[in-house]
PDB file of N, CA and C in Angstrom:
ATOM      1  N   UNK A   1       0.837  -1.169   0.000  1.00  0.00           N
ATOM      2  CA  UNK A   1       0.000   0.000   0.000  1.00  0.00           C
ATOM      3  C   UNK A   1       0.887   1.238   0.000  1.00  0.00           C
ATOM      4  N   UNK A   2       0.361   2.301  -0.577  1.00  0.00           N
ATOM      5  CA  UNK A   2       1.113   3.552  -0.635  1.00  0.00           C
ATOM      6  C   UNK A   2       0.400   4.588   0.221  1.00  0.00           C
ATOM      7  N   UNK A   3       1.191   5.241   1.063  1.00  0.00           N
ATOM      8  CA  UNK A   3       0.671   6.263   1.966  1.00  0.00           C
ATOM      9  C   UNK A   3       1.279   7.607   1.609  1.00  0.00           C
ATOM     10  N   UNK A   4       0.487   8.654   1.731  1.00  0.00           N
ATOM     11  CA  UNK A   4       0.977  10.020   1.557  1.00  0.00           C
ATOM     12  C   UNK A   4       1.101  10.624   2.950  1.00  0.00           C
ATOM     13  N   UNK A   5       2.269  11.143   3.248  1.00  0.00           N
ATOM     14  CA  UNK A   5       2.553  11.700   4.568  1.00  0.00           C
ATOM     15  C   UNK A   5       2.684  13.217   4.447  1.00  0.00           C
ATOM     16  N   UNK A   6       1.881  13.936   5.203  1.00  0.00           N
ATOM     17  CA  UNK A   6       1.964  15.391   5.275  1.00  0.00           C
ATOM     18  C   UNK A   6       2.758  15.728   6.534  1.00  0.00           C
ATOM     19  N   UNK A   7       3.771  16.584   6.390  1.00  0.00           N
ATOM     20  CA  UNK A   7       4.638  16.850   7.537  1.00  0.00           C
ATOM     21  C   UNK A   7       5.246  18.248   7.472  1.00  0.00           C
ATOM     22  N   UNK A   8       5.750  18.680   8.613  1.00  0.00           N
ATOM     23  CA  UNK A   8       6.566  19.883   8.741  1.00  0.00           C
ATOM     24  C   UNK A   8       7.996  19.403   8.973  1.00  0.00           C
ATOM     25  N   UNK A   9       8.969  20.113   8.438  1.00  0.00           N
ATOM     26  CA  UNK A   9      10.355  19.648   8.555  1.00  0.00           C
ATOM     27  C   UNK A   9      10.918  19.742   9.965  1.00  0.00           C
ATOM     28  N   UNK A  10      10.395  20.647  10.780  1.00  0.00           N
ATOM     29  CA  UNK A  10      10.919  20.796  12.136  1.00  0.00           C
ATOM     30  C   UNK A  10       9.813  20.487  13.144  1.00  0.00           C
ATOM     31  N   UNK A  11      10.039  19.499  13.937  1.00  0.00           N
ATOM     32  CA  UNK A  11       9.056  19.036  14.920  1.00  0.00           C
ATOM     33  C   UNK A  11       8.729  20.101  15.973  1.00  0.00           C
ATOM     34  N   UNK A  12       9.634  21.044  16.193  1.00  0.00           N
ATOM     35  CA  UNK A  12       9.465  21.995  17.282  1.00  0.00           C
ATOM     36  C   UNK A  12       8.862  23.330  16.844  1.00  0.00           C
ATOM     37  N   UNK A  13       8.571  23.495  15.554  1.00  0.00           N
ATOM     38  CA  UNK A  13       7.940  24.718  15.085  1.00  0.00           C
ATOM     39  C   UNK A  13       6.430  24.529  15.008  1.00  0.00           C
ATOM     40  N   UNK A  14       5.728  25.622  15.122  1.00  0.00           N
ATOM     41  CA  UNK A  14       4.275  25.592  14.990  1.00  0.00           C
ATOM     42  C   UNK A  14       3.943  25.273  13.532  1.00  0.00           C
ATOM     43  N   UNK A  15       3.039  24.309  13.284  1.00  0.00           N
ATOM     44  CA  UNK A  15       2.687  23.977  11.901  1.00  0.00           C
ATOM     45  C   UNK A  15       2.045  25.159  11.165  1.00  0.00           C
ATOM     46  N   UNK A  16       2.541  25.408   9.970  1.00  0.00           N
ATOM     47  CA  UNK A  16       2.009  26.447   9.097  1.00  0.00           C
ATOM     48  C   UNK A  16       1.691  25.780   7.770  1.00  0.00           C
ATOM     49  N   UNK A  17       0.475  25.961   7.301  1.00  0.00           N
ATOM     50  CA  UNK A  17       0.025  25.273   6.085  1.00  0.00           C
ATOM     51  C   UNK A  17       0.985  25.473   4.908  1.00  0.00           C
ATOM     52  N   UNK A  18       1.503  26.671   4.742  1.00  0.00           N
ATOM     53  CA  UNK A  18       2.396  26.965   3.614  1.00  0.00           C
ATOM     54  C   UNK A  18       3.715  26.198   3.701  1.00  0.00           C
ATOM     55  N   UNK A  19       4.072  25.728   4.877  1.00  0.00           N
ATOM     56  CA  UNK A  19       5.321  24.981   5.057  1.00  0.00           C
ATOM     57  C   UNK A  19       5.117  23.470   5.039  1.00  0.00           C
ATOM     58  N   UNK A  20       3.888  23.027   4.860  1.00  0.00           N
ATOM     59  CA  UNK A  20       3.605  21.597   4.857  1.00  0.00           C
ATOM     60  C   UNK A  20       4.175  20.959   3.597  1.00  0.00           C
ATOM     61  N   UNK A  21       4.872  19.868   3.782  1.00  0.00           N
ATOM     62  CA  UNK A  21       5.448  19.101   2.675  1.00  0.00           C
ATOM     63  C   UNK A  21       4.827  17.721   2.690  1.00  0.00           C
ATOM     64  N   UNK A  22       5.062  16.981   1.634  1.00  0.00           N
ATOM     65  CA  UNK A  22       4.515  15.620   1.588  1.00  0.00           C
ATOM     66  C   UNK A  22       5.523  14.676   0.960  1.00  0.00           C
ATOM     67  N   UNK A  23       5.381  13.415   1.327  1.00  0.00           N
ATOM     68  CA  UNK A  23       6.180  12.355   0.727  1.00  0.00           C
ATOM     69  C   UNK A  23       5.322  11.104   0.668  1.00  0.00           C
ATOM     70  N   UNK A  24       5.749  10.169  -0.149  1.00  0.00           N
ATOM     71  CA  UNK A  24       4.997   8.933  -0.361  1.00  0.00           C
ATOM     72  C   UNK A  24       5.832   7.766   0.152  1.00  0.00           C
ATOM     73  N   UNK A  25       5.189   6.873   0.881  1.00  0.00           N
ATOM     74  CA  UNK A  25       5.888   5.727   1.454  1.00  0.00           C
ATOM     75  C   UNK A  25       5.089   4.462   1.156  1.00  0.00           C
ATOM     76  N   UNK A  26       5.790   3.435   0.706  1.00  0.00           N
ATOM     77  CA  UNK A  26       5.164   2.128   0.485  1.00  0.00           C
ATOM     78  C   UNK A  26       5.375   1.279   1.727  1.00  0.00           C
ATOM     79  N   UNK A  27       4.270   0.857   2.334  1.00  0.00           N
ATOM     80  CA  UNK A  27       4.332   0.065   3.561  1.00  0.00           C
ATOM     81  C   UNK A  27       3.036  -0.730   3.708  1.00  0.00           C
ATOM     82  N   UNK A  28       3.017  -1.631   4.674  1.00  0.00           N
ATOM     83  CA  UNK A  28       1.824  -2.440   4.912  1.00  0.00           C
ATOM     84  C   UNK A  28       0.793  -1.725   5.777  1.00  0.00           C
ATOM     85  N   UNK A  29       1.281  -0.902   6.722  1.00  0.00           N
ATOM     86  CA  UNK A  29       0.381  -0.219   7.642  1.00  0.00           C
ATOM     87  C   UNK A  29       0.858   1.207   7.920  1.00  0.00           C
ATOM     88  N   UNK A  30      -0.033   2.015   8.444  1.00  0.00           N
ATOM     89  CA  UNK A  30       0.334   3.372   8.852  1.00  0.00           C
ATOM     90  C   UNK A  30       1.374   3.320   9.971  1.00  0.00           C
ATOM     91  N   UNK A  31       1.260   2.346  10.817  1.00  0.00           N
ATOM     92  CA  UNK A  31       2.220   2.203  11.923  1.00  0.00           C
ATOM     93  C   UNK A  31       3.648   1.998  11.394  1.00  0.00           C
ATOM     94  N   UNK A  32       3.789   1.187  10.347  1.00  0.00           N
ATOM     95  CA  UNK A  32       5.109   0.984   9.728  1.00  0.00           C
ATOM     96  C   UNK A  32       5.655   2.297   9.173  1.00  0.00           C
ATOM     97  N   UNK A  33       4.788   3.098   8.579  1.00  0.00           N
ATOM     98  CA  UNK A  33       5.204   4.392   8.030  1.00  0.00           C
ATOM     99  C   UNK A  33       5.742   5.276   9.149  1.00  0.00           C
ATOM    100  N   UNK A  34       4.984   5.386  10.226  1.00  0.00           N
ATOM    101  CA  UNK A  34       5.407   6.232  11.347  1.00  0.00           C
ATOM    102  C   UNK A  34       6.699   5.712  11.977  1.00  0.00           C
ATOM    103  N   UNK A  35       6.837   4.401  12.080  1.00  0.00           N
ATOM    104  CA  UNK A  35       8.060   3.801  12.628  1.00  0.00           C
ATOM    105  C   UNK A  35       9.254   4.117  11.721  1.00  0.00           C
ATOM    106  N   UNK A  36       9.041   4.050  10.415  1.00  0.00           N
ATOM    107  CA  UNK A  36      10.094   4.327   9.431  1.00  0.00           C
ATOM    108  C   UNK A  36      10.576   5.776   9.515  1.00  0.00           C
ATOM    109  N   UNK A  37       9.674   6.696   9.820  1.00  0.00           N
ATOM    110  CA  UNK A  37      10.005   8.121   9.822  1.00  0.00           C
ATOM    111  C   UNK A  37      10.359   8.675  11.197  1.00  0.00           C
ATOM    112  N   UNK A  38      10.321   7.862  12.222  1.00  0.00           N
ATOM    113  CA  UNK A  38      10.499   8.374  13.586  1.00  0.00           C
ATOM    114  C   UNK A  38      11.878   8.985  13.836  1.00  0.00           C
ATOM    115  N   UNK A  39      12.911   8.550  13.132  1.00  0.00           N
ATOM    116  CA  UNK A  39      14.255   9.091  13.352  1.00  0.00           C
ATOM    117  C   UNK A  39      14.470  10.441  12.672  1.00  0.00           C
ATOM    118  N   UNK A  40      13.569  10.814  11.797  1.00  0.00           N
ATOM    119  CA  UNK A  40      13.661  12.121  11.146  1.00  0.00           C
ATOM    120  C   UNK A  40      13.010  13.147  12.058  1.00  0.00           C
ATOM    121  N   UNK A  41      13.430  14.366  11.959  1.00  0.00           N
ATOM    122  CA  UNK A  41      12.917  15.416  12.836  1.00  0.00           C
ATOM    123  C   UNK A  41      11.634  16.029  12.268  1.00  0.00           C
ATOM    124  N   UNK A  42      10.697  15.183  11.844  1.00  0.00           N
ATOM    125  CA  UNK A  42       9.466  15.640  11.213  1.00  0.00           C
ATOM    126  C   UNK A  42       8.329  15.745  12.222  1.00  0.00           C
ATOM    127  N   UNK A  43       7.500  16.750  12.013  1.00  0.00           N
ATOM    128  CA  UNK A  43       6.233  16.852  12.722  1.00  0.00           C
ATOM    129  C   UNK A  43       5.186  16.307  11.761  1.00  0.00           C
ATOM    130  N   UNK A  44       4.811  15.054  11.914  1.00  0.00           N
ATOM    131  CA  UNK A  44       3.872  14.413  11.003  1.00  0.00           C
ATOM    132  C   UNK A  44       2.462  14.890  11.335  1.00  0.00           C
ATOM    133  N   UNK A  45       1.824  15.511  10.353  1.00  0.00           N
ATOM    134  CA  UNK A  45       0.475  16.027  10.543  1.00  0.00           C
ATOM    135  C   UNK A  45      -0.580  14.975  10.236  1.00  0.00           C
ATOM    136  N   UNK A  46      -0.362  14.212   9.150  1.00  0.00           N
ATOM    137  CA  UNK A  46      -1.394  13.291   8.698  1.00  0.00           C
ATOM    138  C   UNK A  46      -0.778  12.229   7.805  1.00  0.00           C
ATOM    139  N   UNK A  47      -1.235  10.998   7.937  1.00  0.00           N
ATOM    140  CA  UNK A  47      -0.814   9.897   7.057  1.00  0.00           C
ATOM    141  C   UNK A  47      -2.074   9.383   6.385  1.00  0.00           C
ATOM    142  N   UNK A  48      -2.074   9.424   5.051  1.00  0.00           N
ATOM    143  CA  UNK A  48      -3.268   9.081   4.279  1.00  0.00           C
ATOM    144  C   UNK A  48      -2.982   7.909   3.345  1.00  0.00           C
ATOM    145  N   UNK A  49      -3.825   6.900   3.398  1.00  0.00           N
ATOM    146  CA  UNK A  49      -3.737   5.766   2.485  1.00  0.00           C
ATOM    147  C   UNK A  49      -4.235   6.209   1.118  1.00  0.00           C
ATOM    148  N   UNK A  50      -3.450   5.941   0.085  1.00  0.00           N
ATOM    149  CA  UNK A  50      -3.852   6.267  -1.281  1.00  0.00           C
ATOM    150  C   UNK A  50      -4.289   4.993  -1.983  1.00  0.00           C
ATOM    151  N   UNK A  51      -5.456   5.051  -2.621  1.00  0.00           N
ATOM    152  CA  UNK A  51      -5.945   3.910  -3.372  1.00  0.00           C
ATOM    153  C   UNK A  51      -6.906   4.375  -4.446  1.00  0.00           C
ATOM    154  N   UNK A  52      -7.131   3.548  -5.431  1.00  0.00           N
ATOM    155  CA  UNK A  52      -8.087   3.840  -6.493  1.00  0.00           C
ATOM    156  C   UNK A  52      -7.716   5.058  -7.314  1.00  0.00           C
ATOM    157  N   UNK A  53      -8.716   5.857  -7.632  1.00  0.00           N
ATOM    158  CA  UNK A  53      -8.500   7.018  -8.495  1.00  0.00           C
ATOM    159  C   UNK A  53      -7.630   8.079  -7.829  1.00  0.00           C
ATOM    160  N   UNK A  54      -7.667   8.158  -6.499  1.00  0.00           N
ATOM    161  CA  UNK A  54      -6.800   9.115  -5.803  1.00  0.00           C
ATOM    162  C   UNK A  54      -5.332   8.742  -6.003  1.00  0.00           C
ATOM    163  N   UNK A  55      -5.010   7.469  -5.919  1.00  0.00           N
ATOM    164  CA  UNK A  55      -3.642   7.014  -6.165  1.00  0.00           C
ATOM    165  C   UNK A  55      -3.232   7.302  -7.606  1.00  0.00           C
ATOM    166  N   UNK A  56      -4.106   7.025  -8.549  1.00  0.00           N
ATOM    167  CA  UNK A  56      -3.809   7.299  -9.960  1.00  0.00           C
ATOM    168  C   UNK A  56      -3.529   8.783 -10.182  1.00  0.00           C
ATOM    169  N   UNK A  57      -4.302   9.635  -9.548  1.00  0.00           N
ATOM    170  CA  UNK A  57      -4.098  11.081  -9.659  1.00  0.00           C
ATOM    171  C   UNK A  57      -2.714  11.472  -9.130  1.00  0.00           C
ATOM    172  N   UNK A  58      -2.364  10.969  -7.965  1.00  0.00           N
ATOM    173  CA  UNK A  58      -1.060  11.290  -7.368  1.00  0.00           C
ATOM    174  C   UNK A  58       0.093  10.752  -8.230  1.00  0.00           C
ATOM    175  N   UNK A  59      -0.075   9.566  -8.812  1.00  0.00           N
ATOM    176  CA  UNK A  59       0.967   8.980  -9.651  1.00  0.00           C
ATOM    177  C   UNK A  59       1.208   9.809 -10.904  1.00  0.00           C
ATOM    178  N   UNK A  60       0.223  10.550 -11.363  1.00  0.00           N
ATOM    179  CA  UNK A  60       0.363  11.390 -12.548  1.00  0.00           C
ATOM    180  C   UNK A  60       1.202  12.638 -12.273  1.00  0.00           C
ATOM    181  N   UNK A  61       1.400  12.968 -11.011  1.00  0.00           N
ATOM    182  CA  UNK A  61       2.188  14.137 -10.638  1.00  0.00           C
ATOM    183  C   UNK A  61       3.666  13.891 -10.924  1.00  0.00           C
ATOM    184  N   UNK A  62       4.357  14.942 -11.358  1.00  0.00           N
ATOM    185  CA  UNK A  62       5.790  14.790 -11.621  1.00  0.00           C
ATOM    186  C   UNK A  62       6.609  14.681 -10.330  1.00  0.00           C
ATOM    187  N   UNK A  63       6.020  14.992  -9.178  1.00  0.00           N
ATOM    188  CA  UNK A  63       6.714  14.901  -7.892  1.00  0.00           C
ATOM    189  C   UNK A  63       6.489  13.570  -7.194  1.00  0.00           C
ATOM    190  N   UNK A  64       5.896  12.610  -7.885  1.00  0.00           N
ATOM    191  CA  UNK A  64       5.553  11.329  -7.269  1.00  0.00           C
ATOM    192  C   UNK A  64       6.779  10.417  -7.224  1.00  0.00           C
ATOM    193  N   UNK A  65       7.354  10.275  -6.030  1.00  0.00           N
ATOM    194  CA  UNK A  65       8.476   9.355  -5.784  1.00  0.00           C
ATOM    195  C   UNK A  65       8.159   8.612  -4.498  1.00  0.00           C
ATOM    196  N   UNK A  66       8.230   7.301  -4.557  1.00  0.00           N
ATOM    197  CA  UNK A  66       7.842   6.474  -3.422  1.00  0.00           C
ATOM    198  C   UNK A  66       9.065   5.932  -2.700  1.00  0.00           C
ATOM    199  N   UNK A  67       9.089   6.099  -1.372  1.00  0.00           N
ATOM    200  CA  UNK A  67      10.089   5.460  -0.527  1.00  0.00           C
ATOM    201  C   UNK A  67       9.552   4.098  -0.147  1.00  0.00           C
ATOM    202  N   UNK A  68      10.390   3.089  -0.218  1.00  0.00           N
ATOM    203  CA  UNK A  68       9.971   1.752   0.174  1.00  0.00           C
ATOM    204  C   UNK A  68      10.606   1.381   1.503  1.00  0.00           C
ATOM    205  N   UNK A  69       9.858   0.762   2.366  1.00  0.00           N
ATOM    206  CA  UNK A  69      10.377   0.403   3.690  1.00  0.00           C
ATOM    207  C   UNK A  69      11.229  -0.869   3.641  1.00  0.00           C
ATOM    208  N   UNK A  70      11.035  -1.688   2.657  1.00  0.00           N
ATOM    209  CA  UNK A  70      11.753  -2.983   2.575  1.00  0.00           C
ATOM    210  C   UNK A  70      13.176  -2.829   2.825  1.00  0.00           C
TER     211      UNK A  70
END
């Protein structure tokens, strides 16, 4: 499954919508995604499962690069 992670780069700053970034991670569960990213200094706002037409839409983006946990 592919998850889209919305995050702020610095865990200690107040979240600002304009500074929100996203990345894509291939994992079995949301818990695996959070475990994979825990060593980074990210303030994770939301982890969203992508599937169906939403996944197809995201894959069409030129910024679509997936990190694999394997």
